[in-house]
Amino acid sequence: MNKNLTGKRIRNLRQEQVPPMSQAELAHAATKLGAPLNQDTVSLIENGLRGVSDIELVAIARCFKVPAAELLGERNSPR
């Protein structure tokens, strides 16, 4: 059973970076923003095996400079 809506979107955003960002790099960046993650956790999230807390969602979105709503599938976040 998939435990999050964001995993595939996070993977896609990570791989779209130039150069592509590794899972470890994303984990490090999110940790610096207050959401302690490691590479294994990012892998679990991307594979839908682990949920994402609101704090983690916001930190990951900030890593990619996108609104948190985009990670939930909303292209234009509500104002």
PDB file of N, CA and C in Angstrom:
ATOM      1  N   MET A   1       0.843  -1.183   0.000  1.00  0.00           N
ATOM      2  CA  MET A   1       0.000   0.000   0.000  1.00  0.00           C
ATOM      3  C   MET A   1       0.887   1.245   0.000  1.00  0.00           C
ATOM      4  N   ASN A   2       0.559   2.197  -0.857  1.00  0.00           N
ATOM      5  CA  ASN A   2       1.298   3.451  -0.942  1.00  0.00           C
ATOM      6  C   ASN A   2       0.979   4.311   0.279  1.00  0.00           C
ATOM      7  N   LYS A   3       2.018   4.821   0.943  1.00  0.00           N
ATOM      8  CA  LYS A   3       1.832   5.585   2.169  1.00  0.00           C
ATOM      9  C   LYS A   3       1.990   7.088   1.982  1.00  0.00           C
ATOM     10  N   ASN A   4       2.136   7.547   0.749  1.00  0.00           N
ATOM     11  CA  ASN A   4       2.204   8.985   0.512  1.00  0.00           C
ATOM     12  C   ASN A   4       1.818   9.318  -0.916  1.00  0.00           C
ATOM     13  N   LEU A   5       1.482  10.580  -1.142  1.00  0.00           N
ATOM     14  CA  LEU A   5       1.142  11.074  -2.475  1.00  0.00           C
ATOM     15  C   LEU A   5       2.339  11.715  -3.161  1.00  0.00           C
ATOM     16  N   THR A   6       3.406  11.916  -2.424  1.00  0.00           N
ATOM     17  CA  THR A   6       4.489  12.771  -2.888  1.00  0.00           C
ATOM     18  C   THR A   6       5.712  12.047  -3.427  1.00  0.00           C
ATOM     19  N   GLY A   7       5.859  10.789  -3.162  1.00  0.00           N
ATOM     20  CA  GLY A   7       7.094  10.077  -3.483  1.00  0.00           C
ATOM     21  C   GLY A   7       7.543  10.199  -4.919  1.00  0.00           C
ATOM     22  N   LYS A   8       6.636   9.925  -5.858  1.00  0.00           N
ATOM     23  CA  LYS A   8       7.008   9.985  -7.273  1.00  0.00           C
ATOM     24  C   LYS A   8       7.343  11.409  -7.683  1.00  0.00           C
ATOM     25  N   ARG A   9       6.617  12.381  -7.146  1.00  0.00           N
ATOM     26  CA  ARG A   9       6.888  13.776  -7.488  1.00  0.00           C
ATOM     27  C   ARG A   9       8.252  14.210  -6.949  1.00  0.00           C
ATOM     28  N   ILE A  10       8.573  13.762  -5.736  1.00  0.00           N
ATOM     29  CA  ILE A  10       9.884  14.084  -5.157  1.00  0.00           C
ATOM     30  C   ILE A  10      10.986  13.471  -6.012  1.00  0.00           C
ATOM     31  N   ARG A  11      10.842  12.219  -6.385  1.00  0.00           N
ATOM     32  CA  ARG A  11      11.849  11.563  -7.229  1.00  0.00           C
ATOM     33  C   ARG A  11      12.016  12.318  -8.545  1.00  0.00           C
ATOM     34  N   ASN A  12      10.901  12.676  -9.181  1.00  0.00           N
ATOM     35  CA  ASN A  12      10.982  13.389 -10.453  1.00  0.00           C
ATOM     36  C   ASN A  12      11.689  14.729 -10.296  1.00  0.00           C
ATOM     37  N   LEU A  13      11.337  15.496  -9.276  1.00  0.00           N
ATOM     38  CA  LEU A  13      11.986  16.789  -9.060  1.00  0.00           C
ATOM     39  C   LEU A  13      13.472  16.616  -8.782  1.00  0.00           C
ATOM     40  N   ARG A  14      13.808  15.610  -8.005  1.00  0.00           N
ATOM     41  CA  ARG A  14      15.215  15.360  -7.665  1.00  0.00           C
ATOM     42  C   ARG A  14      16.015  15.020  -8.917  1.00  0.00           C
ATOM     43  N   GLN A  15      15.441  14.194  -9.772  1.00  0.00           N
ATOM     44  CA  GLN A  15      16.141  13.762 -10.979  1.00  0.00           C
ATOM     45  C   GLN A  15      16.164  14.843 -12.061  1.00  0.00           C
ATOM     46  N   GLU A  16      15.243  15.814 -11.979  1.00  0.00           N
ATOM     47  CA  GLU A  16      15.198  16.906 -12.962  1.00  0.00           C
ATOM     48  C   GLU A  16      16.225  18.001 -12.663  1.00  0.00           C
ATOM     49  N   GLN A  17      16.833  17.964 -11.489  1.00  0.00           N
ATOM     50  CA  GLN A  17      17.834  18.966 -11.155  1.00  0.00           C
ATOM     51  C   GLN A  17      19.031  18.805 -12.090  1.00  0.00           C
ATOM     52  N   VAL A  18      19.722  19.907 -12.336  1.00  0.00           N
ATOM     53  CA  VAL A  18      20.903  19.869 -13.209  1.00  0.00           C
ATOM     54  C   VAL A  18      22.107  20.317 -12.391  1.00  0.00           C
ATOM     55  N   PRO A  19      23.020  19.411 -12.083  1.00  0.00           N
ATOM     56  CA  PRO A  19      22.958  17.972 -12.327  1.00  0.00           C
ATOM     57  C   PRO A  19      21.940  17.323 -11.396  1.00  0.00           C
ATOM     58  N   PRO A  20      21.499  16.099 -11.719  1.00  0.00           N
ATOM     59  CA  PRO A  20      20.521  15.430 -10.849  1.00  0.00           C
ATOM     60  C   PRO A  20      21.019  15.357  -9.407  1.00  0.00           C
ATOM     61  N   MET A  21      20.111  15.557  -8.483  1.00  0.00           N
ATOM     62  CA  MET A  21      20.425  15.514  -7.056  1.00  0.00           C
ATOM     63  C   MET A  21      20.315  14.060  -6.576  1.00  0.00           C
ATOM     64  N   SER A  22      21.259  13.617  -5.785  1.00  0.00           N
ATOM     65  CA  SER A  22      21.179  12.266  -5.227  1.00  0.00           C
ATOM     66  C   SER A  22      20.219  12.266  -4.040  1.00  0.00           C
ATOM     67  N   GLN A  23      19.794  11.086  -3.645  1.00  0.00           N
ATOM     68  CA  GLN A  23      18.945  10.968  -2.454  1.00  0.00           C
ATOM     69  C   GLN A  23      19.691  11.477  -1.226  1.00  0.00           C
ATOM     70  N   ALA A  24      20.975  11.188  -1.141  1.00  0.00           N
ATOM     71  CA  ALA A  24      21.773  11.644   0.009  1.00  0.00           C
ATOM     72  C   ALA A  24      21.862  13.166   0.034  1.00  0.00           C
ATOM     73  N   GLU A  25      21.999  13.784  -1.133  1.00  0.00           N
ATOM     74  CA  GLU A  25      22.057  15.244  -1.200  1.00  0.00           C
ATOM     75  C   GLU A  25      20.730  15.863  -0.768  1.00  0.00           C
ATOM     76  N   LEU A  26      19.618  15.275  -1.198  1.00  0.00           N
ATOM     77  CA  LEU A  26      18.310  15.766  -0.777  1.00  0.00           C
ATOM     78  C   LEU A  26      18.149  15.615   0.733  1.00  0.00           C
ATOM     79  N   ALA A  27      18.552  14.477   1.267  1.00  0.00           N
ATOM     80  CA  ALA A  27      18.457  14.251   2.707  1.00  0.00           C
ATOM     81  C   ALA A  27      19.263  15.288   3.477  1.00  0.00           C
ATOM     82  N   HIS A  28      20.458  15.565   3.014  1.00  0.00           N
ATOM     83  CA  HIS A  28      21.327  16.551   3.676  1.00  0.00           C
ATOM     84  C   HIS A  28      20.697  17.942   3.618  1.00  0.00           C
ATOM     85  N   ALA A  29      20.189  18.326   2.450  1.00  0.00           N
ATOM     86  CA  ALA A  29      19.577  19.647   2.298  1.00  0.00           C
ATOM     87  C   ALA A  29      18.336  19.785   3.177  1.00  0.00           C
ATOM     88  N   ALA A  30      17.498  18.751   3.238  1.00  0.00           N
ATOM     89  CA  ALA A  30      16.295  18.799   4.075  1.00  0.00           C
ATOM     90  C   ALA A  30      16.664  18.859   5.550  1.00  0.00           C
ATOM     91  N   THR A  31      17.703  18.141   5.933  1.00  0.00           N
ATOM     92  CA  THR A  31      18.167  18.162   7.323  1.00  0.00           C
ATOM     93  C   THR A  31      18.611  19.567   7.707  1.00  0.00           C
ATOM     94  N   LYS A  32      19.327  20.247   6.805  1.00  0.00           N
ATOM     95  CA  LYS A  32      19.763  21.619   7.078  1.00  0.00           C
ATOM     96  C   LYS A  32      18.579  22.564   7.242  1.00  0.00           C
ATOM     97  N   LEU A  33      17.433  22.204   6.649  1.00  0.00           N
ATOM     98  CA  LEU A  33      16.235  23.032   6.754  1.00  0.00           C
ATOM     99  C   LEU A  33      15.320  22.591   7.896  1.00  0.00           C
ATOM    100  N   GLY A  34      15.802  21.699   8.748  1.00  0.00           N
ATOM    101  CA  GLY A  34      15.048  21.320   9.944  1.00  0.00           C
ATOM    102  C   GLY A  34      14.265  20.031   9.876  1.00  0.00           C
ATOM    103  N   ALA A  35      14.424  19.270   8.817  1.00  0.00           N
ATOM    104  CA  ALA A  35      13.732  17.989   8.690  1.00  0.00           C
ATOM    105  C   ALA A  35      14.782  16.891   8.565  1.00  0.00           C
ATOM    106  N   PRO A  36      15.214  16.332   9.697  1.00  0.00           N
ATOM    107  CA  PRO A  36      16.285  15.332   9.659  1.00  0.00           C
ATOM    108  C   PRO A  36      15.893  14.091   8.852  1.00  0.00           C
ATOM    109  N   LEU A  37      16.547  13.915   7.712  1.00  0.00           N
ATOM    110  CA  LEU A  37      16.325  12.761   6.850  1.00  0.00           C
ATOM    111  C   LEU A  37      17.672  12.151   6.513  1.00  0.00           C
ATOM    112  N   ASN A  38      17.651  10.889   6.112  1.00  0.00           N
ATOM    113  CA  ASN A  38      18.852  10.258   5.578  1.00  0.00           C
ATOM    114  C   ASN A  38      18.493   9.619   4.238  1.00  0.00           C
ATOM    115  N   GLN A  39      19.480   9.113   3.539  1.00  0.00           N
ATOM    116  CA  GLN A  39      19.260   8.564   2.203  1.00  0.00           C
ATOM    117  C   GLN A  39      18.244   7.435   2.219  1.00  0.00           C
ATOM    118  N   ASP A  40      18.314   6.571   3.218  1.00  0.00           N
ATOM    119  CA  ASP A  40      17.368   5.449   3.304  1.00  0.00           C
ATOM    120  C   ASP A  40      15.931   5.952   3.437  1.00  0.00           C
ATOM    121  N   THR A  41      15.743   7.007   4.220  1.00  0.00           N
ATOM    122  CA  THR A  41      14.408   7.577   4.410  1.00  0.00           C
ATOM    123  C   THR A  41      13.882   8.160   3.108  1.00  0.00           C
ATOM    124  N   VAL A  42      14.736   8.879   2.377  1.00  0.00           N
ATOM    125  CA  VAL A  42      14.323   9.444   1.087  1.00  0.00           C
ATOM    126  C   VAL A  42      13.909   8.315   0.143  1.00  0.00           C
ATOM    127  N   SER A  43      14.654   7.226   0.135  1.00  0.00           N
ATOM    128  CA  SER A  43      14.316   6.081  -0.707  1.00  0.00           C
ATOM    129  C   SER A  43      12.948   5.520  -0.338  1.00  0.00           C
ATOM    130  N   LEU A  44      12.691   5.360   0.945  1.00  0.00           N
ATOM    131  CA  LEU A  44      11.389   4.849   1.393  1.00  0.00           C
ATOM    132  C   LEU A  44      10.257   5.781   0.975  1.00  0.00           C
ATOM    133  N   ILE A  45      10.483   7.092   1.106  1.00  0.00           N
ATOM    134  CA  ILE A  45       9.471   8.075   0.704  1.00  0.00           C
ATOM    135  C   ILE A  45       9.207   7.976  -0.794  1.00  0.00           C
ATOM    136  N   GLU A  46      10.275   7.980  -1.581  1.00  0.00           N
ATOM    137  CA  GLU A  46      10.118   7.938  -3.033  1.00  0.00           C
ATOM    138  C   GLU A  46       9.434   6.665  -3.515  1.00  0.00           C
ATOM    139  N   ASN A  47       9.600   5.592  -2.788  1.00  0.00           N
ATOM    140  CA  ASN A  47       8.974   4.319  -3.159  1.00  0.00           C
ATOM    141  C   ASN A  47       7.603   4.126  -2.533  1.00  0.00           C
ATOM    142  N   GLY A  48       7.097   5.164  -1.841  1.00  0.00           N
ATOM    143  CA  GLY A  48       5.764   5.109  -1.259  1.00  0.00           C
ATOM    144  C   GLY A  48       5.640   4.208  -0.051  1.00  0.00           C
ATOM    145  N   LEU A  49       6.770   3.868   0.573  1.00  0.00           N
ATOM    146  CA  LEU A  49       6.760   2.951   1.715  1.00  0.00           C
ATOM    147  C   LEU A  49       6.763   3.667   3.059  1.00  0.00           C
ATOM    148  N   ARG A  50       6.892   4.992   3.032  1.00  0.00           N
ATOM    149  CA  ARG A  50       6.917   5.787   4.261  1.00  0.00           C
ATOM    150  C   ARG A  50       6.168   7.082   4.001  1.00  0.00           C
ATOM    151  N   GLY A  51       5.389   7.480   4.978  1.00  0.00           N
ATOM    152  CA  GLY A  51       4.686   8.751   4.886  1.00  0.00           C
ATOM    153  C   GLY A  51       5.642   9.920   5.070  1.00  0.00           C
ATOM    154  N   VAL A  52       5.124  11.122   4.840  1.00  0.00           N
ATOM    155  CA  VAL A  52       5.912  12.344   4.949  1.00  0.00           C
ATOM    156  C   VAL A  52       5.199  13.276   5.919  1.00  0.00           C
ATOM    157  N   SER A  53       5.929  13.780   6.914  1.00  0.00           N
ATOM    158  CA  SER A  53       5.327  14.725   7.846  1.00  0.00           C
ATOM    159  C   SER A  53       5.212  16.089   7.189  1.00  0.00           C
ATOM    160  N   ASP A  54       4.408  16.954   7.784  1.00  0.00           N
ATOM    161  CA  ASP A  54       4.267  18.298   7.227  1.00  0.00           C
ATOM    162  C   ASP A  54       5.598  19.050   7.251  1.00  0.00           C
ATOM    163  N   ILE A  55       6.374  18.882   8.297  1.00  0.00           N
ATOM    164  CA  ILE A  55       7.679  19.537   8.392  1.00  0.00           C
ATOM    165  C   ILE A  55       8.602  19.041   7.281  1.00  0.00           C
ATOM    166  N   GLU A  56       8.592  17.736   7.039  1.00  0.00           N
ATOM    167  CA  GLU A  56       9.419  17.173   5.970  1.00  0.00           C
ATOM    168  C   GLU A  56       8.954  17.672   4.600  1.00  0.00           C
ATOM    169  N   LEU A  57       7.644  17.725   4.397  1.00  0.00           N
ATOM    170  CA  LEU A  57       7.094  18.173   3.123  1.00  0.00           C
ATOM    171  C   LEU A  57       7.534  19.600   2.806  1.00  0.00           C
ATOM    172  N   VAL A  58       7.436  20.477   3.792  1.00  0.00           N
ATOM    173  CA  VAL A  58       7.829  21.872   3.584  1.00  0.00           C
ATOM    174  C   VAL A  58       9.328  21.970   3.309  1.00  0.00           C
ATOM    175  N   ALA A  59      10.141  21.253   4.065  1.00  0.00           N
ATOM    176  CA  ALA A  59      11.593  21.299   3.860  1.00  0.00           C
ATOM    177  C   ALA A  59      11.970  20.779   2.478  1.00  0.00           C
ATOM    178  N   ILE A  60      11.370  19.681   2.056  1.00  0.00           N
ATOM    179  CA  ILE A  60      11.674  19.119   0.737  1.00  0.00           C
ATOM    180  C   ILE A  60      11.252  20.092  -0.358  1.00  0.00           C
ATOM    181  N   ALA A  61      10.091  20.687  -0.217  1.00  0.00           N
ATOM    182  CA  ALA A  61       9.642  21.677  -1.203  1.00  0.00           C
ATOM    183  C   ALA A  61      10.621  22.837  -1.285  1.00  0.00           C
ATOM    184  N   ARG A  62      11.113  23.285  -0.146  1.00  0.00           N
ATOM    185  CA  ARG A  62      12.088  24.381  -0.138  1.00  0.00           C
ATOM    186  C   ARG A  62      13.382  23.979  -0.827  1.00  0.00           C
ATOM    187  N   CYS A  63      13.769  22.718  -0.699  1.00  0.00           N
ATOM    188  CA  CYS A  63      14.976  22.239  -1.388  1.00  0.00           C
ATOM    189  C   CYS A  63      14.856  22.414  -2.897  1.00  0.00           C
ATOM    190  N   PHE A  64      13.640  22.248  -3.409  1.00  0.00           N
ATOM    191  CA  PHE A  64      13.405  22.349  -4.845  1.00  0.00           C
ATOM    192  C   PHE A  64      12.864  23.719  -5.266  1.00  0.00           C
ATOM    193  N   LYS A  65      12.665  24.591  -4.273  1.00  0.00           N
ATOM    194  CA  LYS A  65      12.124  25.937  -4.546  1.00  0.00           C
ATOM    195  C   LYS A  65      10.771  25.868  -5.254  1.00  0.00           C
ATOM    196  N   VAL A  66       9.913  24.980  -4.745  1.00  0.00           N
ATOM    197  CA  VAL A  66       8.543  24.862  -5.247  1.00  0.00           C
ATOM    198  C   VAL A  66       7.595  24.950  -4.057  1.00  0.00           C
ATOM    199  N   PRO A  67       6.334  25.319  -4.294  1.00  0.00           N
ATOM    200  CA  PRO A  67       5.361  25.322  -3.207  1.00  0.00           C
ATOM    201  C   PRO A  67       5.106  23.883  -2.726  1.00  0.00           C
ATOM    202  N   ALA A  68       4.876  23.728  -1.444  1.00  0.00           N
ATOM    203  CA  ALA A  68       4.593  22.395  -0.900  1.00  0.00           C
ATOM    204  C   ALA A  68       3.398  21.759  -1.606  1.00  0.00           C
ATOM    205  N   ALA A  69       2.438  22.574  -2.010  1.00  0.00           N
ATOM    206  CA  ALA A  69       1.252  22.055  -2.702  1.00  0.00           C
ATOM    207  C   ALA A  69       1.621  21.320  -3.985  1.00  0.00           C
ATOM    208  N   GLU A  70       2.707  21.731  -4.629  1.00  0.00           N
ATOM    209  CA  GLU A  70       3.117  21.053  -5.860  1.00  0.00           C
ATOM    210  C   GLU A  70       3.504  19.604  -5.590  1.00  0.00           C
ATOM    211  N   LEU A  71       4.081  19.347  -4.436  1.00  0.00           N
ATOM    212  CA  LEU A  71       4.451  17.965  -4.094  1.00  0.00           C
ATOM    213  C   LEU A  71       3.211  17.109  -3.868  1.00  0.00           C
ATOM    214  N   LEU A  72       2.094  17.767  -3.579  1.00  0.00           N
ATOM    215  CA  LEU A  72       0.833  17.053  -3.382  1.00  0.00           C
ATOM    216  C   LEU A  72       0.031  16.933  -4.670  1.00  0.00           C
ATOM    217  N   GLY A  73       0.589  17.454  -5.775  1.00  0.00           N
ATOM    218  CA  GLY A  73      -0.058  17.314  -7.056  1.00  0.00           C
ATOM    219  C   GLY A  73      -0.769  18.542  -7.556  1.00  0.00           C
ATOM    220  N   GLU A  74      -0.712  19.617  -6.813  1.00  0.00           N
ATOM    221  CA  GLU A  74      -1.343  20.860  -7.232  1.00  0.00           C
ATOM    222  C   GLU A  74      -0.310  21.721  -7.940  1.00  0.00           C
ATOM    223  N   ARG A  75      -0.521  21.985  -9.207  1.00  0.00           N
ATOM    224  CA  ARG A  75       0.439  22.779  -9.980  1.00  0.00           C
ATOM    225  C   ARG A  75       0.406  24.243  -9.576  1.00  0.00           C
ATOM    226  N   ASN A  76      -0.768  24.760  -9.318  1.00  0.00           N
ATOM    227  CA  ASN A  76      -0.907  26.156  -8.878  1.00  0.00           C
ATOM    228  C   ASN A  76      -1.461  26.153  -7.470  1.00  0.00           C
ATOM    229  N   SER A  77      -0.625  26.456  -6.497  1.00  0.00           N
ATOM    230  CA  SER A  77      -1.085  26.428  -5.122  1.00  0.00           C
ATOM    231  C   SER A  77      -2.091  27.551  -4.897  1.00  0.00           C
ATOM    232  N   PRO A  78      -3.130  27.296  -4.084  1.00  0.00           N
ATOM    233  CA  PRO A  78      -4.130  28.317  -3.798  1.00  0.00           C
ATOM    234  C   PRO A  78      -3.543  29.486  -3.045  1.00  0.00           C
ATOM    235  N   ARG A  79      -4.097  30.659  -3.252  1.00  0.00           N
ATOM    236  CA  ARG A  79      -3.600  31.864  -2.558  1.00  0.00           C
ATOM    237  C   ARG A  79      -4.525  32.266  -1.464  1.00  0.00           C
TER     238      ARG A  79
END
